[in-house]
PDB file of all heavy atoms in Angstrom:
ATOM      1  N   LEU A   1      81.998  83.586 156.202  1.00  0.00           N
ATOM      2  CA  LEU A   1      82.463  82.466 155.387  1.00  0.00           C
ATOM      3  C   LEU A   1      83.684  82.868 154.569  1.00  0.00           C
ATOM      4  O   LEU A   1      84.656  82.107 154.465  1.00  0.00           O
ATOM      5  CB  LEU A   1      81.343  81.976 154.465  1.00  0.00           C
ATOM      6  CG  LEU A   1      81.669  80.723 153.650  1.00  0.00           C
ATOM      7  CD1 LEU A   1      81.920  79.536 154.560  1.00  0.00           C
ATOM      8  CD2 LEU A   1      80.530  80.413 152.668  1.00  0.00           C
ATOM      9  N   ARG A   2      83.656  84.051 153.991  1.00  0.00           N
ATOM     10  CA  ARG A   2      84.827  84.543 153.251  1.00  0.00           C
ATOM     11  C   ARG A   2      86.027  84.664 154.184  1.00  0.00           C
ATOM     12  O   ARG A   2      87.157  84.362 153.805  1.00  0.00           O
ATOM     13  CB  ARG A   2      84.511  85.899 152.616  1.00  0.00           C
ATOM     14  CG  ARG A   2      83.519  85.831 151.450  1.00  0.00           C
ATOM     15  CD  ARG A   2      83.508  87.140 150.675  1.00  0.00           C
ATOM     16  NE  ARG A   2      82.614  87.051 149.527  1.00  0.00           N
ATOM     17  CZ  ARG A   2      81.392  87.553 149.479  1.00  0.00           C
ATOM     18  NH1 ARG A   2      80.908  88.205 150.529  1.00  0.00           N
ATOM     19  NH2 ARG A   2      80.648  87.419 148.399  1.00  0.00           N
ATOM     20  N   GLY A   3      85.770  85.120 155.411  1.00  0.00           N
ATOM     21  CA  GLY A   3      86.862  85.265 156.367  1.00  0.00           C
ATOM     22  C   GLY A   3      87.516  83.934 156.697  1.00  0.00           C
ATOM     23  O   GLY A   3      88.740  83.839 156.790  1.00  0.00           O
ATOM     24  N   VAL A   4      86.699  82.893 156.876  1.00  0.00           N
ATOM     25  CA  VAL A   4      87.231  81.565 157.210  1.00  0.00           C
ATOM     26  C   VAL A   4      88.113  81.040 156.083  1.00  0.00           C
ATOM     27  O   VAL A   4      89.236  80.571 156.310  1.00  0.00           O
ATOM     28  CB  VAL A   4      86.083  80.577 157.492  1.00  0.00           C
ATOM     29  CG1 VAL A   4      86.622  79.146 157.594  1.00  0.00           C
ATOM     30  CG2 VAL A   4      85.353  80.953 158.770  1.00  0.00           C
ATOM     31  N   PHE A   5      87.626  81.123 154.848  1.00  0.00           N
ATOM     32  CA  PHE A   5      88.404  80.595 153.720  1.00  0.00           C
ATOM     33  C   PHE A   5      89.647  81.435 153.445  1.00  0.00           C
ATOM     34  O   PHE A   5      90.677  80.901 153.014  1.00  0.00           O
ATOM     35  CB  PHE A   5      87.532  80.512 152.465  1.00  0.00           C
ATOM     36  CG  PHE A   5      86.656  79.287 152.439  1.00  0.00           C
ATOM     37  CD1 PHE A   5      85.280  79.392 152.499  1.00  0.00           C
ATOM     38  CD2 PHE A   5      87.211  78.020 152.372  1.00  0.00           C
ATOM     39  CE1 PHE A   5      84.464  78.266 152.482  1.00  0.00           C
ATOM     40  CE2 PHE A   5      86.417  76.882 152.360  1.00  0.00           C
ATOM     41  CZ  PHE A   5      85.039  77.011 152.413  1.00  0.00           C
ATOM     42  N   ALA A   6      89.570  82.745 153.700  1.00  0.00           N
ATOM     43  CA  ALA A   6      90.755  83.587 153.518  1.00  0.00           C
ATOM     44  C   ALA A   6      91.828  83.222 154.539  1.00  0.00           C
ATOM     45  O   ALA A   6      93.015  83.131 154.208  1.00  0.00           O
ATOM     46  CB  ALA A   6      90.371  85.064 153.653  1.00  0.00           C
ATOM     47  N   LEU A   7      91.406  82.986 155.795  1.00  0.00           N
ATOM     48  CA  LEU A   7      92.359  82.598 156.828  1.00  0.00           C
ATOM     49  C   LEU A   7      92.997  81.256 156.513  1.00  0.00           C
ATOM     50  O   LEU A   7      94.225  81.101 156.586  1.00  0.00           O
ATOM     51  CB  LEU A   7      91.634  82.523 158.181  1.00  0.00           C
ATOM     52  CG  LEU A   7      92.469  82.070 159.380  1.00  0.00           C
ATOM     53  CD1 LEU A   7      93.567  83.082 159.681  1.00  0.00           C
ATOM     54  CD2 LEU A   7      91.582  81.867 160.605  1.00  0.00           C
ATOM     55  N   ALA A   8      92.172  80.281 156.135  1.00  0.00           N
ATOM     56  CA  ALA A   8      92.704  78.954 155.814  1.00  0.00           C
ATOM     57  C   ALA A   8      93.602  79.003 154.592  1.00  0.00           C
ATOM     58  O   ALA A   8      94.641  78.339 154.541  1.00  0.00           O
ATOM     59  CB  ALA A   8      91.544  77.980 155.582  1.00  0.00           C
ATOM     60  N   GLY A   9      93.205  79.807 153.601  1.00  0.00           N
ATOM     61  CA  GLY A   9      93.991  79.889 152.366  1.00  0.00           C
ATOM     62  C   GLY A   9      95.388  80.430 152.596  1.00  0.00           C
ATOM     63  O   GLY A   9      96.353  79.973 151.975  1.00  0.00           O
ATOM     64  N   ARG A  10      95.500  81.404 153.507  1.00  0.00           N
ATOM     65  CA  ARG A  10      96.828  81.974 153.795  1.00  0.00           C
ATOM     66  C   ARG A  10      97.743  80.941 154.442  1.00  0.00           C
ATOM     67  O   ARG A  10      98.948  80.926 154.197  1.00  0.00           O
ATOM     68  CB  ARG A  10      96.676  83.206 154.691  1.00  0.00           C
ATOM     69  CG  ARG A  10      96.224  84.453 153.961  1.00  0.00           C
ATOM     70  CD  ARG A  10      96.384  85.684 154.822  1.00  0.00           C
ATOM     71  NE  ARG A  10      95.461  85.692 155.941  1.00  0.00           N
ATOM     72  CZ  ARG A  10      94.244  86.225 155.900  1.00  0.00           C
ATOM     73  NH1 ARG A  10      93.815  86.791 154.781  1.00  0.00           N
ATOM     74  NH2 ARG A  10      93.472  86.203 156.962  1.00  0.00           N
ATOM     75  N   GLU A  11      97.156  80.108 155.293  1.00  0.00           N
ATOM     76  CA  GLU A  11      97.962  79.105 155.974  1.00  0.00           C
ATOM     77  C   GLU A  11      98.275  77.905 155.085  1.00  0.00           C
ATOM     78  O   GLU A  11      99.376  77.357 155.114  1.00  0.00           O
ATOM     79  CB  GLU A  11      97.224  78.624 157.236  1.00  0.00           C
ATOM     80  CG  GLU A  11      97.071  79.680 158.307  1.00  0.00           C
ATOM     81  CD  GLU A  11      98.394  80.093 158.921  1.00  0.00           C
ATOM     82  OE1 GLU A  11      99.251  79.209 159.107  1.00  0.00           O
ATOM     83  OE2 GLU A  11      98.575  81.294 159.198  1.00  0.00           O
ATOM     84  N   LEU A  12      97.285  77.487 154.296  1.00  0.00           N
ATOM     85  CA  LEU A  12      97.443  76.277 153.485  1.00  0.00           C
ATOM     86  C   LEU A  12      98.027  76.554 152.113  1.00  0.00           C
ATOM     87  O   LEU A  12      98.372  75.615 151.386  1.00  0.00           O
ATOM     88  CB  LEU A  12      96.082  75.588 153.325  1.00  0.00           C
ATOM     89  CG  LEU A  12      95.412  75.111 154.617  1.00  0.00           C
ATOM     90  CD1 LEU A  12      94.003  74.605 154.327  1.00  0.00           C
ATOM     91  CD2 LEU A  12      96.235  74.021 155.282  1.00  0.00           C
ATOM     92  N   LYS A  13      98.102  77.868 151.762  1.00  0.00           N
ATOM     93  CA  LYS A  13      98.603  78.270 150.429  1.00  0.00           C
ATOM     94  C   LYS A  13      97.754  77.627 149.321  1.00  0.00           C
ATOM     95  O   LYS A  13      98.289  77.104 148.339  1.00  0.00           O
ATOM     96  CB  LYS A  13     100.078  77.868 150.274  1.00  0.00           C
ATOM     97  CG  LYS A  13     100.988  78.404 151.361  1.00  0.00           C
ATOM     98  CD  LYS A  13     101.039  79.919 151.360  1.00  0.00           C
ATOM     99  CE  LYS A  13     102.100  80.441 152.328  1.00  0.00           C
ATOM    100  NZ  LYS A  13     101.780  80.169 153.740  1.00  0.00           N
ATOM    101  N   THR A  14      96.440  77.693 149.493  1.00  0.00           N
ATOM    102  CA  THR A  14      95.526  77.109 148.507  1.00  0.00           C
ATOM    103  C   THR A  14      94.648  78.200 147.913  1.00  0.00           C
ATOM    104  O   THR A  14      94.543  79.306 148.443  1.00  0.00           O
ATOM    105  CB  THR A  14      94.620  76.042 149.159  1.00  0.00           C
ATOM    106  OG1 THR A  14      93.904  76.642 150.247  1.00  0.00           O
ATOM    107  CG2 THR A  14      95.458  74.883 149.672  1.00  0.00           C
ATOM    108  N   GLU A  15      93.994  77.863 146.799  1.00  0.00           N
ATOM    109  CA  GLU A  15      93.075  78.810 146.166  1.00  0.00           C
ATOM    110  C   GLU A  15      91.834  78.987 147.038  1.00  0.00           C
ATOM    111  O   GLU A  15      91.404  78.064 147.742  1.00  0.00           O
ATOM    112  CB  GLU A  15      92.673  78.318 144.777  1.00  0.00           C
ATOM    113  CG  GLU A  15      93.815  78.310 143.772  1.00  0.00           C
ATOM    114  CD  GLU A  15      93.340  77.930 142.390  1.00  0.00           C
ATOM    115  OE1 GLU A  15      92.110  77.756 142.212  1.00  0.00           O
ATOM    116  OE2 GLU A  15      94.179  77.807 141.482  1.00  0.00           O
ATOM    117  N   ASN A  16      91.275  80.162 146.972  1.00  0.00           N
ATOM    118  CA  ASN A  16      90.088  80.475 147.766  1.00  0.00           C
ATOM    119  C   ASN A  16      88.834  80.051 147.001  1.00  0.00           C
ATOM    120  O   ASN A  16      88.546  80.597 145.942  1.00  0.00           O
ATOM    121  CB  ASN A  16      90.042  81.976 148.056  1.00  0.00           C
ATOM    122  CG  ASN A  16      88.991  82.332 149.090  1.00  0.00           C
ATOM    123  OD1 ASN A  16      88.023  81.599 149.286  1.00  0.00           O
ATOM    124  ND2 ASN A  16      89.172  83.462 149.743  1.00  0.00           N
ATOM    125  N   PRO A  17      88.058  79.088 147.524  1.00  0.00           N
ATOM    126  CA  PRO A  17      86.850  78.645 146.824  1.00  0.00           C
ATOM    127  C   PRO A  17      85.762  79.712 146.753  1.00  0.00           C
ATOM    128  O   PRO A  17      84.782  79.548 146.022  1.00  0.00           O
ATOM    129  CB  PRO A  17      86.381  77.444 147.644  1.00  0.00           C
ATOM    130  CG  PRO A  17      86.953  77.659 148.993  1.00  0.00           C
ATOM    131  CD  PRO A  17      88.269  78.337 148.773  1.00  0.00           C
ATOM    132  N   MET A  18      85.921  80.807 147.487  1.00  0.00           N
ATOM    133  CA  MET A  18      84.922  81.872 147.459  1.00  0.00           C
ATOM    134  C   MET A  18      85.112  82.808 146.275  1.00  0.00           C
ATOM    135  O   MET A  18      84.251  83.653 146.003  1.00  0.00           O
ATOM    136  CB  MET A  18      84.986  82.688 148.761  1.00  0.00           C
ATOM    137  CG  MET A  18      84.613  81.904 150.008  1.00  0.00           C
ATOM    138  SD  MET A  18      82.928  81.270 149.949  1.00  0.00           S
ATOM    139  CE  MET A  18      81.998  82.794 149.992  1.00  0.00           C
ATOM    140  N   GLU A  19      86.231  82.666 145.569  1.00  0.00           N
ATOM    141  CA  GLU A  19      86.459  83.504 144.397  1.00  0.00           C
ATOM    142  C   GLU A  19      85.335  83.281 143.388  1.00  0.00           C
ATOM    143  O   GLU A  19      85.055  82.157 142.986  1.00  0.00           O
ATOM    144  CB  GLU A  19      87.808  83.175 143.742  1.00  0.00           C
ATOM    145  CG  GLU A  19      89.025  83.578 144.569  1.00  0.00           C
ATOM    146  CD  GLU A  19      89.173  85.077 144.690  1.00  0.00           C
ATOM    147  OE1 GLU A  19      88.667  85.798 143.807  1.00  0.00           O
ATOM    148  OE2 GLU A  19      89.781  85.533 145.678  1.00  0.00           O
ATOM    149  N   GLY A  20      84.692  84.361 142.983  1.00  0.00           N
ATOM    150  CA  GLY A  20      83.610  84.256 142.003  1.00  0.00           C
ATOM    151  C   GLY A  20      82.226  84.129 142.618  1.00  0.00           C
ATOM    152  O   GLY A  20      81.219  84.197 141.906  1.00  0.00           O
ATOM    153  N   ILE A  21      82.146  83.935 143.924  1.00  0.00           N
ATOM    154  CA  ILE A  21      80.846  83.884 144.600  1.00  0.00           C
ATOM    155  C   ILE A  21      80.526  85.297 145.075  1.00  0.00           C
ATOM    156  O   ILE A  21      81.103  85.785 146.044  1.00  0.00           O
ATOM    157  CB  ILE A  21      80.848  82.894 145.775  1.00  0.00           C
ATOM    158  CG1 ILE A  21      81.158  81.486 145.265  1.00  0.00           C
ATOM    159  CG2 ILE A  21      79.515  82.915 146.507  1.00  0.00           C
ATOM    160  CD1 ILE A  21      81.210  80.440 146.354  1.00  0.00           C
ATOM    161  N   GLU A  22      79.626  85.953 144.361  1.00  0.00           N
ATOM    162  CA  GLU A  22      79.328  87.357 144.605  1.00  0.00           C
ATOM    163  C   GLU A  22      78.142  87.523 145.550  1.00  0.00           C
ATOM    164  O   GLU A  22      77.353  86.601 145.750  1.00  0.00           O
ATOM    165  CB  GLU A  22      79.023  88.072 143.274  1.00  0.00           C
ATOM    166  CG  GLU A  22      80.110  87.917 142.224  1.00  0.00           C
ATOM    167  CD  GLU A  22      81.397  88.627 142.617  1.00  0.00           C
ATOM    168  OE1 GLU A  22      81.335  89.517 143.503  1.00  0.00           O
ATOM    169  OE2 GLU A  22      82.457  88.301 142.052  1.00  0.00           O
ATOM    170  N   ASN A  23      78.044  88.710 146.107  1.00  0.00           N
ATOM    171  CA  ASN A  23      76.875  89.039 146.920  1.00  0.00           C
ATOM    172  C   ASN A  23      75.617  89.026 146.054  1.00  0.00           C
ATOM    173  O   ASN A  23      75.668  89.302 144.845  1.00  0.00           O
ATOM    174  CB  ASN A  23      77.022  90.426 147.538  1.00  0.00           C
ATOM    175  CG  ASN A  23      77.863  90.405 148.799  1.00  0.00           C
ATOM    176  OD1 ASN A  23      78.329  89.361 149.220  1.00  0.00           O
ATOM    177  ND2 ASN A  23      78.060  91.563 149.399  1.00  0.00           N
ATOM    178  N   SER A  24      74.509  88.706 146.665  1.00  0.00           N
ATOM    179  CA  SER A  24      73.225  88.723 145.971  1.00  0.00           C
ATOM    180  C   SER A  24      72.712  90.159 145.930  1.00  0.00           C
ATOM    181  O   SER A  24      72.791  90.890 146.916  1.00  0.00           O
ATOM    182  CB  SER A  24      72.224  87.827 146.703  1.00  0.00           C
ATOM    183  OG  SER A  24      70.991  87.806 146.045  1.00  0.00           O
ATOM    184  N   LYS A  25      72.188  90.571 144.802  1.00  0.00           N
ATOM    185  CA  LYS A  25      71.699  91.934 144.660  1.00  0.00           C
ATOM    186  C   LYS A  25      70.391  92.105 145.422  1.00  0.00           C
ATOM    187  O   LYS A  25      69.528  91.239 145.408  1.00  0.00           O
ATOM    188  CB  LYS A  25      71.480  92.276 143.190  1.00  0.00           C
ATOM    189  CG  LYS A  25      72.775  92.320 142.372  1.00  0.00           C
ATOM    190  CD  LYS A  25      72.490  92.716 140.942  1.00  0.00           C
ATOM    191  CE  LYS A  25      73.793  92.795 140.134  1.00  0.00           C
ATOM    192  NZ  LYS A  25      73.542  93.177 138.717  1.00  0.00           N
ATOM    193  N   HIS A  26      70.279  93.224 146.104  1.00  0.00           N
ATOM    194  CA  HIS A  26      69.017  93.533 146.770  1.00  0.00           C
ATOM    195  C   HIS A  26      68.807  95.040 146.761  1.00  0.00           C
ATOM    196  O   HIS A  26      69.754  95.814 146.673  1.00  0.00           O
ATOM    197  CB  HIS A  26      69.014  93.010 148.211  1.00  0.00           C
ATOM    198  CG  HIS A  26      69.902  93.779 149.140  1.00  0.00           C
ATOM    199  ND1 HIS A  26      71.270  93.602 149.181  1.00  0.00           N
ATOM    200  CD2 HIS A  26      69.619  94.735 150.061  1.00  0.00           C
ATOM    201  CE1 HIS A  26      71.795  94.393 150.085  1.00  0.00           C
ATOM    202  NE2 HIS A  26      70.824  95.097 150.628  1.00  0.00           N
ATOM    203  N   GLN A  27      67.576  95.426 146.824  1.00  0.00           N
ATOM    204  CA  GLN A  27      67.229  96.843 146.752  1.00  0.00           C
ATOM    205  C   GLN A  27      67.293  97.461 148.134  1.00  0.00           C
ATOM    206  O   GLN A  27      66.548  97.061 149.043  1.00  0.00           O
ATOM    207  CB  GLN A  27      65.820  97.018 146.181  1.00  0.00           C
ATOM    208  CG  GLN A  27      65.386  98.476 146.039  1.00  0.00           C
ATOM    209  CD  GLN A  27      64.041  98.611 145.362  1.00  0.00           C
ATOM    210  OE1 GLN A  27      63.635  97.727 144.616  1.00  0.00           O
ATOM    211  NE2 GLN A  27      63.347  99.705 145.615  1.00  0.00           N
ATOM    212  N   ALA A  28      68.189  98.421 148.301  1.00  0.00           N
ATOM    213  CA  ALA A  28      68.308  99.094 149.583  1.00  0.00           C
ATOM    214  C   ALA A  28      67.118 100.018 149.791  1.00  0.00           C
ATOM    215  O   ALA A  28      66.626 100.651 148.847  1.00  0.00           O
ATOM    216  CB  ALA A  28      69.610  99.892 149.632  1.00  0.00           C
ATOM    217  N   ALA A  29      66.648 100.075 151.018  1.00  0.00           N
ATOM    218  CA  ALA A  29      65.509 100.932 151.319  1.00  0.00           C
ATOM    219  C   ALA A  29      65.906 102.399 151.174  1.00  0.00           C
ATOM    220  O   ALA A  29      66.933 102.836 151.701  1.00  0.00           O
ATOM    221  CB  ALA A  29      65.016 100.661 152.729  1.00  0.00           C
ATOM    222  N   ALA A  30      65.110 103.150 150.442  1.00  0.00           N
ATOM    223  CA  ALA A  30      65.399 104.569 150.235  1.00  0.00           C
ATOM    224  C   ALA A  30      64.947 105.369 151.451  1.00  0.00           C
ATOM    225  O   ALA A  30      64.033 104.972 152.175  1.00  0.00           O
ATOM    226  CB  ALA A  30      64.669 105.064 148.989  1.00  0.00           C
ATOM    227  N   PRO A  31      65.596 106.514 151.711  1.00  0.00           N
ATOM    228  CA  PRO A  31      65.135 107.375 152.806  1.00  0.00           C
ATOM    229  C   PRO A  31      63.675 107.759 152.592  1.00  0.00           C
ATOM    230  O   PRO A  31      63.236 107.982 151.462  1.00  0.00           O
ATOM    231  CB  PRO A  31      66.051 108.598 152.699  1.00  0.00           C
ATOM    232  CG  PRO A  31      67.270 108.099 152.006  1.00  0.00           C
ATOM    233  CD  PRO A  31      66.792 107.061 151.040  1.00  0.00           C
ATOM    234  N   ASP A  32      62.925 107.837 153.651  1.00  0.00           N
ATOM    235  CA  ASP A  32      61.503 108.155 153.560  1.00  0.00           C
ATOM    236  C   ASP A  32      61.157 109.178 154.638  1.00  0.00           C
ATOM    237  O   ASP A  32      60.414 108.888 155.582  1.00  0.00           O
ATOM    238  CB  ASP A  32      60.676 106.878 153.733  1.00  0.00           C
ATOM    239  CG  ASP A  32      59.219 107.068 153.356  1.00  0.00           C
ATOM    240  OD1 ASP A  32      58.887 108.119 152.783  1.00  0.00           O
ATOM    241  OD2 ASP A  32      58.416 106.178 153.647  1.00  0.00           O
ATOM    242  N   PRO A  33      61.717 110.391 154.523  1.00  0.00           N
ATOM    243  CA  PRO A  33      61.523 111.386 155.578  1.00  0.00           C
ATOM    244  C   PRO A  33      60.078 111.854 155.680  1.00  0.00           C
ATOM    245  O   PRO A  33      59.296 111.728 154.733  1.00  0.00           O
ATOM    246  CB  PRO A  33      62.446 112.527 155.147  1.00  0.00           C
ATOM    247  CG  PRO A  33      62.547 112.380 153.660  1.00  0.00           C
ATOM    248  CD  PRO A  33      62.520 110.911 153.398  1.00  0.00           C
ATOM    249  N   LEU A  34      59.743 112.385 156.838  1.00  0.00           N
ATOM    250  CA  LEU A  34      58.427 112.964 157.044  1.00  0.00           C
ATOM    251  C   LEU A  34      58.481 114.452 156.724  1.00  0.00           C
ATOM    252  O   LEU A  34      59.542 115.085 156.785  1.00  0.00           O
ATOM    253  CB  LEU A  34      57.976 112.765 158.498  1.00  0.00           C
ATOM    254  CG  LEU A  34      57.779 111.299 158.905  1.00  0.00           C
ATOM    255  CD1 LEU A  34      58.942 110.822 159.752  1.00  0.00           C
ATOM    256  CD2 LEU A  34      56.475 111.111 159.637  1.00  0.00           C
ATOM    257  N   SER A  35      57.347 114.999 156.395  1.00  0.00           N
ATOM    258  CA  SER A  35      57.294 116.439 156.181  1.00  0.00           C
ATOM    259  C   SER A  35      57.361 117.143 157.531  1.00  0.00           C
ATOM    260  O   SER A  35      57.159 116.527 158.591  1.00  0.00           O
ATOM    261  CB  SER A  35      55.999 116.816 155.465  1.00  0.00           C
ATOM    262  OG  SER A  35      54.878 116.587 156.320  1.00  0.00           O
ATOM    263  N   THR A  36      57.645 118.445 157.503  1.00  0.00           N
ATOM    264  CA  THR A  36      57.691 119.197 158.746  1.00  0.00           C
ATOM    265  C   THR A  36      56.345 119.146 159.461  1.00  0.00           C
ATOM    266  O   THR A  36      56.273 119.011 160.690  1.00  0.00           O
ATOM    267  CB  THR A  36      58.081 120.659 158.469  1.00  0.00           C
ATOM    268  OG1 THR A  36      59.355 120.691 157.821  1.00  0.00           O
ATOM    269  CG2 THR A  36      58.150 121.460 159.761  1.00  0.00           C
ATOM    270  N   ALA A  37      55.265 119.218 158.688  1.00  0.00           N
ATOM    271  CA  ALA A  37      53.927 119.173 159.285  1.00  0.00           C
ATOM    272  C   ALA A  37      53.681 117.826 159.957  1.00  0.00           C
ATOM    273  O   ALA A  37      53.120 117.758 161.063  1.00  0.00           O
ATOM    274  CB  ALA A  37      52.866 119.438 158.214  1.00  0.00           C
ATOM    275  N   GLU A  38      54.084 116.739 159.304  1.00  0.00           N
ATOM    276  CA  GLU A  38      53.919 115.405 159.897  1.00  0.00           C
ATOM    277  C   GLU A  38      54.744 115.265 161.164  1.00  0.00           C
ATOM    278  O   GLU A  38      54.285 114.694 162.159  1.00  0.00           O
ATOM    279  CB  GLU A  38      54.315 114.331 158.881  1.00  0.00           C
ATOM    280  CG  GLU A  38      53.337 114.168 157.727  1.00  0.00           C
ATOM    281  CD  GLU A  38      53.835 113.196 156.678  1.00  0.00           C
ATOM    282  OE1 GLU A  38      55.066 113.154 156.456  1.00  0.00           O
ATOM    283  OE2 GLU A  38      53.005 112.494 156.077  1.00  0.00           O
ATOM    284  N   MET A  39      55.969 115.778 161.129  1.00  0.00           N
ATOM    285  CA  MET A  39      56.826 115.721 162.306  1.00  0.00           C
ATOM    286  C   MET A  39      56.163 116.417 163.491  1.00  0.00           C
ATOM    287  O   MET A  39      56.122 115.873 164.610  1.00  0.00           O
ATOM    288  CB  MET A  39      58.173 116.385 162.000  1.00  0.00           C
ATOM    289  CG  MET A  39      59.130 116.421 163.181  1.00  0.00           C
ATOM    290  SD  MET A  39      60.639 117.384 162.854  1.00  0.00           S
ATOM    291  CE  MET A  39      59.985 119.067 163.020  1.00  0.00           C
TER     292      MET A  39
END
């Protein structure tokens, strides 16, 4: 969606309506390695 509005904005010379619309925060999964014994 950001790509579409950026492309249109360059051609139309208009403001980008996506300005100020940020990504939603989410918790990234942490590494969960196995022990050598489990492996």
